[in-house]
C-alpha atoms as a PDB file:
ATOM      1  CA  MET A   1     232.765 149.287 -31.373  1.00  0.00           C
ATOM      2  CA  SER A   2     230.117 150.984 -33.849  1.00  0.00           C
ATOM      3  CA  LYS A   3     227.252 148.589 -34.586  1.00  0.00           C
ATOM      4  CA  HIS A   4     224.773 148.631 -37.621  1.00  0.00           C
ATOM      5  CA  ILE A   5     221.267 149.214 -36.152  1.00  0.00           C
ATOM      6  CA  ILE A   6     217.749 148.986 -37.924  1.00  0.00           C
ATOM      7  CA  ILE A   7     214.850 150.251 -36.062  1.00  0.00           C
ATOM      8  CA  THR A   8     211.156 150.374 -36.898  1.00  0.00           C
ATOM      9  CA  GLY A   9     208.540 152.718 -35.884  1.00  0.00           C
ATOM     10  CA  THR A  10     211.003 155.688 -35.256  1.00  0.00           C
ATOM     11  CA  SER A  11     208.744 158.789 -35.755  1.00  0.00           C
ATOM     12  CA  ARG A  12     207.813 159.112 -32.010  1.00  0.00           C
ATOM     13  CA  GLY A  13     207.693 157.433 -28.540  1.00  0.00           C
ATOM     14  CA  ILE A  14     210.038 154.528 -27.961  1.00  0.00           C
ATOM     15  CA  GLY A  15     211.487 154.092 -31.337  1.00  0.00           C
ATOM     16  CA  TYR A  16     212.353 157.832 -31.582  1.00  0.00           C
ATOM     17  CA  GLU A  17     214.220 157.487 -28.231  1.00  0.00           C
ATOM     18  CA  LEU A  18     216.162 154.517 -29.496  1.00  0.00           C
ATOM     19  CA  VAL A  19     217.489 156.492 -32.496  1.00  0.00           C
ATOM     20  CA  LYS A  20     218.965 159.163 -30.162  1.00  0.00           C
ATOM     21  CA  LEU A  21     220.287 156.965 -27.584  1.00  0.00           C
ATOM     22  CA  PHE A  22     222.010 154.506 -30.189  1.00  0.00           C
ATOM     23  CA  ALA A  23     223.349 157.583 -32.330  1.00  0.00           C
ATOM     24  CA  LYS A  24     224.752 159.229 -29.049  1.00  0.00           C
ATOM     25  CA  GLN A  25     226.593 155.929 -28.596  1.00  0.00           C
ATOM     26  CA  GLY A  26     228.203 156.282 -31.986  1.00  0.00           C
ATOM     27  CA  HIS A  27     226.335 153.617 -33.798  1.00  0.00           C
ATOM     28  CA  GLN A  28     225.154 153.772 -37.297  1.00  0.00           C
ATOM     29  CA  VAL A  29     221.252 153.707 -37.359  1.00  0.00           C
ATOM     30  CA  LEU A  30     218.707 153.273 -39.995  1.00  0.00           C
ATOM     31  CA  ALA A  31     215.499 154.510 -38.725  1.00  0.00           C
ATOM     32  CA  LEU A  32     212.336 153.194 -40.672  1.00  0.00           C
ATOM     33  CA  SER A  33     208.962 154.833 -40.247  1.00  0.00           C
ATOM     34  CA  ARG A  34     206.079 156.021 -42.386  1.00  0.00           C
ATOM     35  CA  ASN A  35     206.856 159.398 -41.164  1.00  0.00           C
ATOM     36  CA  ASP A  36     210.686 160.033 -41.552  1.00  0.00           C
ATOM     37  CA  GLY A  37     210.443 163.689 -40.698  1.00  0.00           C
ATOM     38  CA  PRO A  38     211.218 163.755 -36.949  1.00  0.00           C
ATOM     39  CA  VAL A  39     214.289 161.753 -37.318  1.00  0.00           C
ATOM     40  CA  LYS A  40     215.523 163.724 -40.235  1.00  0.00           C
ATOM     41  CA  ALA A  41     215.068 166.872 -38.044  1.00  0.00           C
ATOM     42  CA  LEU A  42     217.547 165.575 -35.526  1.00  0.00           C
ATOM     43  CA  LYS A  43     220.188 165.931 -38.384  1.00  0.00           C
ATOM     44  CA  LEU A  44     222.549 163.268 -36.909  1.00  0.00           C
ATOM     45  CA  PRO A  45     225.513 162.340 -39.108  1.00  0.00           C
ATOM     46  CA  ASN A  46     225.347 158.687 -38.259  1.00  0.00           C
ATOM     47  CA  VAL A  47     221.540 158.105 -38.686  1.00  0.00           C
ATOM     48  CA  SER A  48     219.843 157.497 -42.061  1.00  0.00           C
ATOM     49  CA  ALA A  49     216.099 157.688 -42.443  1.00  0.00           C
ATOM     50  CA  PHE A  50     213.426 157.149 -45.183  1.00  0.00           C
ATOM     51  CA  CYS A  51     209.905 156.607 -45.413  1.00  0.00           C
ATOM     52  CA  PHE A  52     209.045 152.959 -44.778  1.00  0.00           C
ATOM     53  CA  ASP A  53     205.539 151.216 -44.949  1.00  0.00           C
ATOM     54  CA  LEU A  54     205.577 147.599 -43.778  1.00  0.00           C
ATOM     55  CA  GLY A  55     202.725 146.888 -46.014  1.00  0.00           C
ATOM     56  CA  ASP A  56     204.636 148.094 -48.938  1.00  0.00           C
ATOM     57  CA  PRO A  57     206.515 145.290 -50.887  1.00  0.00           C
ATOM     58  CA  GLU A  58     208.846 147.714 -52.539  1.00  0.00           C
ATOM     59  CA  ALA A  59     210.041 149.423 -49.079  1.00  0.00           C
ATOM     60  CA  TYR A  60     212.013 146.352 -48.339  1.00  0.00           C
ATOM     61  CA  GLN A  61     214.013 146.746 -51.266  1.00  0.00           C
ATOM     62  CA  LYS A  62     215.002 150.030 -50.231  1.00  0.00           C
ATOM     63  CA  VAL A  63     216.281 148.700 -47.025  1.00  0.00           C
ATOM     64  CA  GLU A  64     218.333 145.923 -48.832  1.00  0.00           C
ATOM     65  CA  ASN A  65     219.799 148.643 -51.345  1.00  0.00           C
ATOM     66  CA  HIS A  66     220.804 150.823 -48.184  1.00  0.00           C
ATOM     67  CA  ILE A  67     222.596 147.787 -46.591  1.00  0.00           C
ATOM     68  CA  SER A  68     224.312 146.605 -49.752  1.00  0.00           C
ATOM     69  CA  GLU A  69     225.582 150.164 -50.705  1.00  0.00           C
ATOM     70  CA  HIS A  70     226.515 151.286 -47.046  1.00  0.00           C
ATOM     71  CA  TRP A  71     226.738 148.663 -44.459  1.00  0.00           C
ATOM     72  CA  GLU A  72     227.095 144.904 -46.031  1.00  0.00           C
ATOM     73  CA  HIS A  73     225.865 143.618 -42.692  1.00  0.00           C
ATOM     74  CA  VAL A  74     223.266 144.356 -39.835  1.00  0.00           C
ATOM     75  CA  ASP A  75     224.244 143.777 -36.096  1.00  0.00           C
ATOM     76  CA  VAL A  76     220.907 144.499 -34.508  1.00  0.00           C
ATOM     77  CA  LEU A  77     217.175 144.652 -35.719  1.00  0.00           C
ATOM     78  CA  ILE A  78     214.621 146.135 -33.438  1.00  0.00           C
ATOM     79  CA  ASN A  79     211.095 145.331 -34.503  1.00  0.00           C
ATOM     80  CA  ASN A  80     209.366 148.286 -32.732  1.00  0.00           C
ATOM     81  CA  ALA A  81     206.567 149.419 -35.219  1.00  0.00           C
ATOM     82  CA  GLY A  82     203.203 148.677 -33.817  1.00  0.00           C
ATOM     83  CA  LEU A  83     199.613 149.647 -34.338  1.00  0.00           C
ATOM     84  CA  LEU A  84     197.178 149.580 -31.424  1.00  0.00           C
ATOM     85  CA  LEU A  85     193.341 149.548 -31.955  1.00  0.00           C
ATOM     86  CA  ASN A  86     191.093 149.984 -28.957  1.00  0.00           C
ATOM     87  CA  LYS A  87     187.708 148.777 -30.075  1.00  0.00           C
ATOM     88  CA  PRO A  88     184.838 146.576 -28.928  1.00  0.00           C
ATOM     89  CA  PHE A  89     185.062 142.958 -30.368  1.00  0.00           C
ATOM     90  CA  ALA A  90     181.521 143.126 -31.485  1.00  0.00           C
ATOM     91  CA  THR A  91     182.298 145.949 -33.855  1.00  0.00           C
ATOM     92  CA  THR A  92     185.817 144.729 -34.885  1.00  0.00           C
ATOM     93  CA  THR A  93     185.999 143.681 -38.499  1.00  0.00           C
ATOM     94  CA  THR A  94     188.321 141.311 -40.453  1.00  0.00           C
ATOM     95  CA  THR A  95     189.743 144.553 -41.979  1.00  0.00           C
ATOM     96  CA  ASP A  96     190.447 145.634 -38.390  1.00  0.00           C
ATOM     97  CA  PHE A  97     192.336 142.455 -37.792  1.00  0.00           C
ATOM     98  CA  GLU A  98     194.148 142.480 -41.141  1.00  0.00           C
ATOM     99  CA  GLU A  99     195.369 146.222 -40.623  1.00  0.00           C
ATOM    100  CA  VAL A 100     196.763 145.493 -37.113  1.00  0.00           C
ATOM    101  CA  TYR A 101     198.270 142.259 -38.208  1.00  0.00           C
ATOM    102  CA  ARG A 102     199.995 143.536 -41.246  1.00  0.00           C
ATOM    103  CA  THR A 103     202.010 145.879 -39.224  1.00  0.00           C
ATOM    104  CA  ASN A 104     202.504 143.957 -35.952  1.00  0.00           C
ATOM    105  CA  VAL A 105     202.935 140.396 -37.318  1.00  0.00           C
ATOM    106  CA  TYR A 106     203.170 140.394 -41.137  1.00  0.00           C
ATOM    107  CA  GLY A 107     205.474 143.382 -41.385  1.00  0.00           C
ATOM    108  CA  MET A 108     207.704 142.128 -38.508  1.00  0.00           C
ATOM    109  CA  ALA A 109     207.986 138.733 -40.146  1.00  0.00           C
ATOM    110  CA  GLU A 110     208.838 140.052 -43.572  1.00  0.00           C
ATOM    111  CA  LEU A 111     211.388 142.551 -42.584  1.00  0.00           C
ATOM    112  CA  THR A 112     213.142 140.027 -40.432  1.00  0.00           C
ATOM    113  CA  ARG A 113     213.089 137.446 -43.269  1.00  0.00           C
ATOM    114  CA  VAL A 114     214.511 139.952 -45.817  1.00  0.00           C
ATOM    115  CA  LEU A 115     217.304 140.928 -43.218  1.00  0.00           C
ATOM    116  CA  ILE A 116     218.452 137.380 -42.406  1.00  0.00           C
ATOM    117  CA  PRO A 117     220.963 137.210 -45.136  1.00  0.00           C
ATOM    118  CA  TYR A 118     222.532 140.297 -43.841  1.00  0.00           C
ATOM    119  CA  LEU A 119     222.436 139.486 -39.967  1.00  0.00           C
ATOM    120  CA  ALA A 120     226.120 139.258 -38.859  1.00  0.00           C
ATOM    121  CA  LYS A 121     227.031 136.211 -36.571  1.00  0.00           C
ATOM    122  CA  ASN A 122     226.325 137.293 -32.904  1.00  0.00           C
ATOM    123  CA  SER A 123     223.681 139.655 -34.282  1.00  0.00           C
ATOM    124  CA  HIS A 124     220.319 140.219 -32.318  1.00  0.00           C
ATOM    125  CA  VAL A 125     216.871 140.477 -33.439  1.00  0.00           C
ATOM    126  CA  VAL A 126     214.701 142.128 -30.797  1.00  0.00           C
ATOM    127  CA  THR A 127     211.048 142.218 -31.167  1.00  0.00           C
ATOM    128  CA  MET A 128     208.657 144.439 -29.219  1.00  0.00           C
ATOM    129  CA  SER A 129     205.642 142.679 -27.750  1.00  0.00           C
ATOM    130  CA  SER A 130     203.282 143.638 -24.793  1.00  0.00           C
ATOM    131  CA  MET A 131     202.355 142.204 -21.572  1.00  0.00           C
ATOM    132  CA  GLY A 132     198.803 141.913 -23.009  1.00  0.00           C
ATOM    133  CA  GLY A 133     200.200 139.259 -25.488  1.00  0.00           C
ATOM    134  CA  VAL A 134     201.492 137.034 -22.679  1.00  0.00           C
ATOM    135  CA  GLN A 135     199.513 133.941 -21.824  1.00  0.00           C
ATOM    136  CA  GLY A 136     198.028 134.211 -18.452  1.00  0.00           C
ATOM    137  CA  SER A 137     198.525 138.076 -18.018  1.00  0.00           C
ATOM    138  CA  MET A 138     195.821 140.366 -17.210  1.00  0.00           C
ATOM    139  CA  LYS A 139     193.506 141.268 -20.387  1.00  0.00           C
ATOM    140  CA  PHE A 140     191.745 144.272 -21.352  1.00  0.00           C
ATOM    141  CA  PRO A 141     188.355 144.732 -23.288  1.00  0.00           C
ATOM    142  CA  GLY A 142     188.956 146.204 -26.804  1.00  0.00           C
ATOM    143  CA  LEU A 143     192.405 144.903 -27.375  1.00  0.00           C
ATOM    144  CA  ALA A 144     191.458 141.597 -29.382  1.00  0.00           C
ATOM    145  CA  THR A 145     193.460 142.689 -32.451  1.00  0.00           C
ATOM    146  CA  TYR A 146     196.519 144.328 -30.779  1.00  0.00           C
ATOM    147  CA  SER A 147     197.031 141.721 -27.913  1.00  0.00           C
ATOM    148  CA  SER A 148     196.556 138.838 -30.121  1.00  0.00           C
ATOM    149  CA  SER A 149     198.842 140.065 -32.721  1.00  0.00           C
ATOM    150  CA  LYS A 150     201.564 140.763 -29.765  1.00  0.00           C
ATOM    151  CA  ALA A 151     200.964 137.069 -28.587  1.00  0.00           C
ATOM    152  CA  ALA A 152     201.618 135.872 -32.356  1.00  0.00           C
ATOM    153  CA  VAL A 153     205.088 137.598 -32.442  1.00  0.00           C
ATOM    154  CA  ILE A 154     206.072 135.789 -29.085  1.00  0.00           C
ATOM    155  CA  THR A 155     205.597 132.421 -30.632  1.00  0.00           C
ATOM    156  CA  LEU A 156     207.241 133.496 -33.871  1.00  0.00           C
ATOM    157  CA  THR A 157     210.296 134.625 -32.092  1.00  0.00           C
ATOM    158  CA  GLU A 158     210.520 131.285 -30.424  1.00  0.00           C
ATOM    159  CA  LEU A 159     210.285 129.518 -33.744  1.00  0.00           C
ATOM    160  CA  LEU A 160     212.953 131.709 -35.485  1.00  0.00           C
ATOM    161  CA  ALA A 161     215.351 131.042 -32.552  1.00  0.00           C
ATOM    162  CA  GLU A 162     214.859 127.284 -33.171  1.00  0.00           C
ATOM    163  CA  GLU A 163     214.981 127.389 -36.964  1.00  0.00           C
ATOM    164  CA  TYR A 164     218.211 129.544 -37.073  1.00  0.00           C
ATOM    165  CA  LYS A 165     219.800 128.252 -33.746  1.00  0.00           C
ATOM    166  CA  ASP A 166     223.026 127.319 -35.755  1.00  0.00           C
ATOM    167  CA  SER A 167     223.292 130.529 -37.678  1.00  0.00           C
ATOM    168  CA  GLY A 168     224.774 132.802 -34.974  1.00  0.00           C
ATOM    169  CA  ILE A 169     221.615 135.096 -34.943  1.00  0.00           C
ATOM    170  CA  SER A 170     219.678 135.428 -31.656  1.00  0.00           C
ATOM    171  CA  PHE A 171     216.078 136.133 -31.517  1.00  0.00           C
ATOM    172  CA  ASN A 172     214.313 137.703 -28.376  1.00  0.00           C
ATOM    173  CA  VAL A 173     211.076 139.431 -27.599  1.00  0.00           C
ATOM    174  CA  LEU A 174     210.284 141.938 -24.926  1.00  0.00           C
ATOM    175  CA  ALA A 175     206.821 142.142 -23.505  1.00  0.00           C
ATOM    176  CA  LEU A 176     206.484 145.776 -22.422  1.00  0.00           C
ATOM    177  CA  GLY A 177     203.880 147.006 -19.882  1.00  0.00           C
ATOM    178  CA  ALA A 178     202.474 150.666 -20.022  1.00  0.00           C
ATOM    179  CA  VAL A 179     204.743 153.014 -21.341  1.00  0.00           C
ATOM    180  CA  GLN A 180     203.509 156.708 -21.471  1.00  0.00           C
ATOM    181  CA  THR A 181     203.724 157.152 -25.336  1.00  0.00           C
ATOM    182  CA  GLU A 182     201.526 159.030 -27.677  1.00  0.00           C
ATOM    183  CA  MET A 183     199.986 155.581 -28.969  1.00  0.00           C
ATOM    184  CA  LEU A 184     198.881 154.652 -25.453  1.00  0.00           C
ATOM    185  CA  GLU A 185     197.343 158.144 -24.973  1.00  0.00           C
ATOM    186  CA  GLU A 186     195.432 157.705 -28.276  1.00  0.00           C
ATOM    187  CA  ALA A 187     194.128 154.418 -27.117  1.00  0.00           C
ATOM    188  CA  PHE A 188     193.569 155.028 -23.374  1.00  0.00           C
ATOM    189  CA  PRO A 189     193.012 158.905 -23.127  1.00  0.00           C
ATOM    190  CA  GLY A 190     193.893 160.082 -19.577  1.00  0.00           C
ATOM    191  CA  TYR A 191     195.810 156.875 -18.544  1.00  0.00           C
ATOM    192  CA  LYS A 192     199.056 157.452 -16.928  1.00  0.00           C
ATOM    193  CA  ALA A 193     201.779 154.936 -17.219  1.00  0.00           C
ATOM    194  CA  PRO A 194     204.472 154.453 -14.695  1.00  0.00           C
ATOM    195  CA  THR A 195     207.317 154.266 -17.386  1.00  0.00           C
ATOM    196  CA  THR A 196     208.510 157.002 -19.939  1.00  0.00           C
ATOM    197  CA  PRO A 197     209.687 156.234 -23.370  1.00  0.00           C
ATOM    198  CA  GLU A 198     213.243 157.436 -22.394  1.00  0.00           C
ATOM    199  CA  GLU A 199     213.364 155.006 -19.525  1.00  0.00           C
ATOM    200  CA  ILE A 200     212.381 151.914 -21.524  1.00  0.00           C
ATOM    201  CA  ALA A 201     214.516 152.939 -24.541  1.00  0.00           C
ATOM    202  CA  ASP A 202     217.393 152.937 -22.233  1.00  0.00           C
ATOM    203  CA  TYR A 203     216.785 149.518 -21.161  1.00  0.00           C
ATOM    204  CA  ILE A 204     216.117 148.342 -24.863  1.00  0.00           C
ATOM    205  CA  VAL A 205     219.453 149.840 -26.062  1.00  0.00           C
ATOM    206  CA  ASP A 206     221.552 147.837 -23.479  1.00  0.00           C
ATOM    207  CA  PHE A 207     219.534 144.596 -24.075  1.00  0.00           C
ATOM    208  CA  SER A 208     219.835 144.833 -27.782  1.00  0.00           C
ATOM    209  CA  LEU A 209     223.523 145.236 -27.548  1.00  0.00           C
ATOM    210  CA  LYS A 210     224.109 142.539 -24.811  1.00  0.00           C
ATOM    211  CA  GLY A 211     221.251 140.457 -24.399  1.00  0.00           C
ATOM    212  CA  GLN A 212     222.065 137.834 -27.184  1.00  0.00           C
ATOM    213  CA  LYS A 213     224.897 136.589 -24.964  1.00  0.00           C
ATOM    214  CA  PHE A 214     222.388 135.432 -22.386  1.00  0.00           C
ATOM    215  CA  TYR A 215     219.160 134.778 -24.249  1.00  0.00           C
ATOM    216  CA  ASN A 216     217.858 133.127 -27.472  1.00  0.00           C
ATOM    217  CA  GLY A 217     214.137 132.520 -28.217  1.00  0.00           C
ATOM    218  CA  LYS A 218     213.294 134.049 -24.913  1.00  0.00           C
ATOM    219  CA  LEU A 219     210.336 136.203 -23.782  1.00  0.00           C
ATOM    220  CA  LEU A 220     211.266 138.815 -21.303  1.00  0.00           C
ATOM    221  CA  GLN A 221     208.525 140.608 -19.250  1.00  0.00           C
ATOM    222  CA  VAL A 222     209.580 144.265 -18.894  1.00  0.00           C
ATOM    223  CA  SER A 223     206.824 145.745 -16.619  1.00  0.00           C
ATOM    224  CA  ASN A 224     206.465 147.285 -13.183  1.00  0.00           C
ATOM    225  CA  SER A 225     202.784 147.477 -13.554  1.00  0.00           C
ATOM    226  CA  THR A 226     199.713 145.245 -14.128  1.00  0.00           C
ATOM    227  CA  PRO A 227     199.167 146.436 -17.707  1.00  0.00           C
END
């Protein structure tokens, strides 16, 4: 049965692969990214894409309009958009924190809030976190903004699951290990991750469609490596 799927951060990496996989399965996909060119170039009939900046209040209205005009409800929201900054803490500014949190935390929270009235019963909100945001995991210098923001969405997911536990909506968060994306290469040039975007996207698709049957308010660590 075809589902209505919304994915953020779809211009490259994991998000881009998610769009292709969901579309191949016949689902209706709304792909949101500041750069909508890569997804539009796929020319997939069951995929809609438009420019979306998590920091732009008007962008959220465009999403609502699309749902009202074409879908009426949403089955899966994947909060995948992320900003990674690798910078020594001594030179990290408040502006740096605000920029990273605006995408990784505030944007995730606002899009989720806006979509809650449209989320169907048995729907699933899946948020991408990082192993670096998990308490007690190995930490790396330079990732104060990124890893702390990823820790924030873990707790936020737990809170949302509790607040909406009677609504039929499930909220879960996946803490990913290192995945060989362009974002990782930009932050850690030369590092080779053990997992490809295609491999992790395949897992996320399956979890997004079925995981709500077994989990709510849970953090799942999806990593076969230390980072």
